[in-house]
Protein backbone atom coordinates (compact mmCIF):
# COMPACT_ATOMS: atom_id res chain seq x y z
CA MET A 1 -26.30 -2.44 22.94
CA SER A 2 -24.80 1.05 23.16
CA LYS A 3 -22.63 2.45 20.38
CA LEU A 4 -18.90 2.79 21.07
CA SER A 5 -16.48 5.32 19.61
CA LYS A 6 -17.12 5.90 15.90
CA SER A 7 -13.42 6.68 15.35
CA ILE A 8 -12.35 3.38 16.90
CA ASP A 9 -15.04 1.48 14.96
CA GLU A 10 -13.77 2.99 11.70
CA LEU A 11 -10.17 2.01 12.50
CA VAL A 12 -11.24 -1.52 13.46
CA ALA A 13 -13.15 -1.78 10.18
CA ALA A 14 -10.03 -0.63 8.29
CA PHE A 15 -7.81 -3.23 10.01
CA LYS A 16 -10.34 -6.00 9.29
CA LYS A 17 -9.63 -5.52 5.58
CA PHE A 18 -6.11 -6.88 6.15
CA PRO A 19 -5.59 -10.60 5.31
CA THR A 20 -6.27 -12.97 8.23
CA VAL A 21 -7.26 -10.10 10.57
CA GLY A 22 -10.56 -10.63 12.33
CA GLU A 23 -12.59 -8.50 14.73
CA LYS A 24 -10.51 -9.33 17.83
CA SER A 25 -7.12 -8.67 16.24
CA ALA A 26 -8.38 -5.50 14.56
CA THR A 27 -9.70 -4.24 17.89
CA ARG A 28 -6.37 -5.02 19.61
CA PHE A 29 -4.51 -3.11 16.88
CA ALA A 30 -6.78 -0.08 17.30
CA TYR A 31 -6.36 0.04 21.08
CA PHE A 32 -2.61 -0.58 20.74
CA LEU A 33 -2.34 2.51 18.53
CA MET A 34 -4.30 4.56 21.05
CA LYS A 35 -1.63 3.77 23.67
CA GLN A 36 1.25 4.85 21.42
CA PRO A 37 2.78 8.33 21.47
CA LYS A 38 1.73 10.56 18.58
CA SER A 39 5.28 10.40 17.22
CA GLU A 40 5.02 6.60 16.77
CA VAL A 41 1.62 6.87 15.10
CA LYS A 42 3.06 9.52 12.77
CA LYS A 43 5.93 7.14 11.84
CA LEU A 44 3.35 4.51 10.89
CA ILE A 45 1.34 6.99 8.83
CA ASP A 46 4.48 8.27 7.10
CA ALA A 47 5.59 4.70 6.32
CA ILE A 48 2.21 3.95 4.70
CA VAL A 49 2.27 7.18 2.67
CA THR A 50 5.85 6.45 1.54
CA LEU A 51 4.85 2.91 0.62
CA LYS A 52 2.07 4.16 -1.65
CA SER A 53 4.12 6.95 -3.22
CA GLU A 54 7.58 5.37 -3.56
CA VAL A 55 7.14 1.62 -4.10
CA LYS A 56 6.73 0.58 -7.73
CA PHE A 57 6.76 -2.48 -9.98
CA CYS A 58 10.12 -3.63 -11.27
CA SER A 59 9.89 -3.59 -15.07
CA ASN A 60 11.94 -6.82 -15.26
CA CYS A 61 10.51 -9.16 -12.63
CA PHE A 62 7.37 -7.27 -11.47
CA SER A 63 8.39 -7.42 -7.85
CA LEU A 64 7.81 -4.34 -5.71
CA ASP A 65 10.69 -2.08 -4.70
CA ASP A 66 11.69 1.55 -4.24
CA SER A 67 13.69 1.42 -7.47
CA ASP A 68 13.27 0.13 -11.02
CA PRO A 69 14.96 -2.21 -11.69
CA CYS A 70 14.58 -3.66 -8.22
CA CYS A 71 17.59 -4.34 -5.99
CA ILE A 72 17.63 -8.05 -6.96
CA CYS A 73 17.44 -7.47 -10.72
CA ALA A 74 20.11 -4.76 -10.45
CA ASN A 75 22.49 -6.98 -8.45
CA PRO A 76 25.25 -8.27 -10.78
CA LYS A 77 26.12 -11.00 -8.26
CA ARG A 78 22.74 -12.68 -8.80
CA ASP A 79 22.61 -15.41 -11.45
CA ASP A 80 20.42 -14.09 -14.27
CA LYS A 81 20.41 -17.50 -16.00
CA VAL A 82 18.11 -18.90 -13.29
CA ILE A 83 14.62 -17.47 -12.68
CA CYS A 84 12.35 -18.46 -9.81
CA VAL A 85 8.66 -17.88 -10.60
CA VAL A 86 6.54 -16.98 -7.56
CA GLU A 87 2.92 -15.95 -7.09
CA THR A 88 3.44 -12.87 -4.93
CA PRO A 89 6.13 -10.50 -3.63
CA VAL A 90 5.49 -12.03 -0.19
CA ASP A 91 6.55 -15.43 -1.58
CA LEU A 92 9.71 -13.81 -2.99
CA ARG A 93 10.53 -12.45 0.47
CA ALA A 94 9.96 -15.90 2.00
CA ILE A 95 12.48 -17.45 -0.40
CA GLU A 96 14.96 -14.62 0.18
CA ARG A 97 14.80 -15.29 3.93
CA THR A 98 16.24 -18.77 3.30
CA LYS A 99 19.49 -17.21 1.96
CA LYS A 100 19.80 -20.30 -0.27
CA TYR A 101 18.82 -18.83 -3.63
CA ALA A 102 21.12 -16.61 -5.70
CA GLY A 103 19.18 -16.33 -8.96
CA LYS A 104 16.55 -13.84 -10.04
CA TYR A 105 12.75 -13.85 -9.93
CA PHE A 106 9.54 -13.31 -11.82
CA VAL A 107 6.43 -12.38 -9.81
CA LEU A 108 3.07 -13.41 -11.28
CA HIS A 109 0.84 -11.52 -8.81
CA GLY A 110 -1.67 -14.34 -8.82
CA VAL A 111 -2.50 -17.72 -10.31
CA LEU A 112 -4.52 -18.88 -13.28
CA SER A 113 -8.19 -19.05 -12.39
CA PRO A 114 -10.62 -19.23 -15.32
CA LEU A 115 -13.61 -19.06 -12.96
CA ASP A 116 -12.34 -15.71 -11.66
CA GLY A 117 -11.38 -14.53 -15.14
CA ILE A 118 -7.61 -14.63 -14.43
CA THR A 119 -5.84 -15.56 -17.65
CA PRO A 120 -2.16 -15.96 -18.68
CA ARG A 121 -2.26 -12.36 -19.93
CA ASP A 122 -3.27 -11.12 -16.46
CA LEU A 123 -0.20 -12.85 -15.01
CA ARG A 124 2.15 -11.42 -17.71
CA ILE A 125 3.25 -14.92 -18.69
CA ASP A 126 4.11 -13.58 -22.16
CA LYS A 127 6.63 -11.25 -20.49
CA LEU A 128 8.08 -14.18 -18.53
CA ILE A 129 8.56 -16.11 -21.79
CA ALA A 130 10.19 -13.10 -23.47
CA LEU A 131 12.47 -12.56 -20.46
CA VAL A 132 13.57 -16.21 -20.41
CA LYS A 133 14.27 -16.28 -24.14
CA GLY A 134 15.92 -12.84 -24.25
CA ARG A 135 18.23 -13.50 -21.34
CA GLY A 136 19.20 -17.02 -22.37
CA VAL A 137 17.89 -18.44 -19.11
CA LYS A 138 18.98 -22.03 -18.42
CA GLU A 139 16.56 -22.91 -15.62
CA VAL A 140 13.09 -21.78 -14.60
CA ILE A 141 12.14 -22.78 -11.04
CA LEU A 142 8.38 -22.93 -10.50
CA ALA A 143 7.65 -21.95 -6.91
CA THR A 144 3.89 -21.50 -7.08
CA ASN A 145 2.02 -22.61 -3.98
CA PRO A 146 1.28 -26.35 -3.75
CA ARG A 147 -2.50 -26.23 -4.22
CA ALA A 148 -4.77 -26.77 -7.20
CA GLN A 149 -4.48 -23.29 -8.79
CA GLY A 150 -0.74 -23.15 -8.15
CA GLU A 151 -0.30 -26.54 -9.83
CA THR A 152 -2.44 -25.48 -12.79
CA THR A 153 -0.34 -22.34 -13.20
CA ALA A 154 2.93 -24.31 -12.91
CA ASN A 155 1.73 -26.82 -15.52
CA TYR A 156 0.73 -24.06 -17.91
CA ILE A 157 4.10 -22.29 -17.59
CA LYS A 158 5.96 -25.59 -17.99
CA GLY A 159 4.08 -26.17 -21.25
CA GLN A 160 5.21 -22.80 -22.60
CA PHE A 161 8.85 -23.90 -22.43
CA ALA A 162 8.37 -27.38 -23.91
CA GLY A 163 10.91 -28.13 -26.62
CA LEU A 164 12.99 -25.00 -25.98
CA GLY A 165 15.83 -26.79 -24.18
CA ILE A 166 15.20 -24.89 -20.95
CA LYS A 167 15.30 -26.82 -17.69
CA VAL A 168 12.03 -26.37 -15.82
CA SER A 169 12.05 -27.48 -12.18
CA ARG A 170 9.51 -27.41 -9.36
CA ILE A 171 10.28 -26.79 -5.70
CA ALA A 172 10.23 -30.07 -3.78
CA TYR A 173 7.36 -30.98 -1.54
CA GLY A 174 8.98 -30.27 1.78
CA VAL A 175 6.34 -27.57 1.49
CA PRO A 176 3.04 -29.03 2.73
CA VAL A 177 0.36 -29.41 0.05
CA GLY A 178 -2.29 -26.72 0.38
CA SER A 179 0.00 -24.33 2.27
CA GLU A 180 1.12 -20.79 1.44
CA LEU A 181 4.86 -20.16 0.98
CA GLU A 182 4.77 -17.08 3.19
CA TYR A 183 3.83 -19.28 6.19
CA VAL A 184 6.40 -22.04 5.61
CA ASP A 185 9.44 -21.94 7.89
CA SER A 186 12.72 -20.92 6.25
CA LEU A 187 14.43 -24.29 6.76
CA SER A 188 11.63 -26.26 5.04
CA LEU A 189 11.50 -23.73 2.23
CA ALA A 190 15.29 -23.82 1.78
CA ARG A 191 15.23 -27.64 1.61
CA SER A 192 12.39 -27.62 -0.92
CA LEU A 193 14.31 -25.14 -3.05
CA GLU A 194 17.52 -27.17 -2.87
CA GLY A 195 15.64 -30.41 -3.53
CA ARG A 196 13.72 -29.09 -6.53
CA VAL A 197 13.02 -31.62 -9.23
CA GLN A 198 12.96 -31.31 -13.00
CA TYR A 199 9.36 -30.64 -13.96
């Protein structure tokens, strides 16, 4: 089999590192870019460079934004007595798309996984506890994904607030077990948020 363009192969290999992108999709992306005007390709490159240079962690919730604190933490109209705990910034965006939640967030950037060496310290759970206590939070909504590691993480966090008089709730299971929040439609996610149960 003859070798094809090295430049295209390198771009395909780069795209294959993206989540859920296989050989066929990566190849389509590469050829799609080849058809675009240089100005459009430059916009994409500039957006990636800006992303890496401008986006930072929010020092309150650990979401990603252009500013610190992030636009949600800085918004006085958001209820800072309610915190929704999510695994990733992508999950935060999924909940925001529902337009049904007006509180604030805490982003774990993962789940507890002893086999992979991911501990409560890696997820900044101590900072979550300090934030909840310092702000006088009344409710913590656990919106980790409904699979084994998400449940383990939710149970651990729930245990940290035992006896503190803080309501801990879990999003309802309109979200299919084993699914990822980022792939759940907005209506189902909104209903699961509204139908959350005390945990």
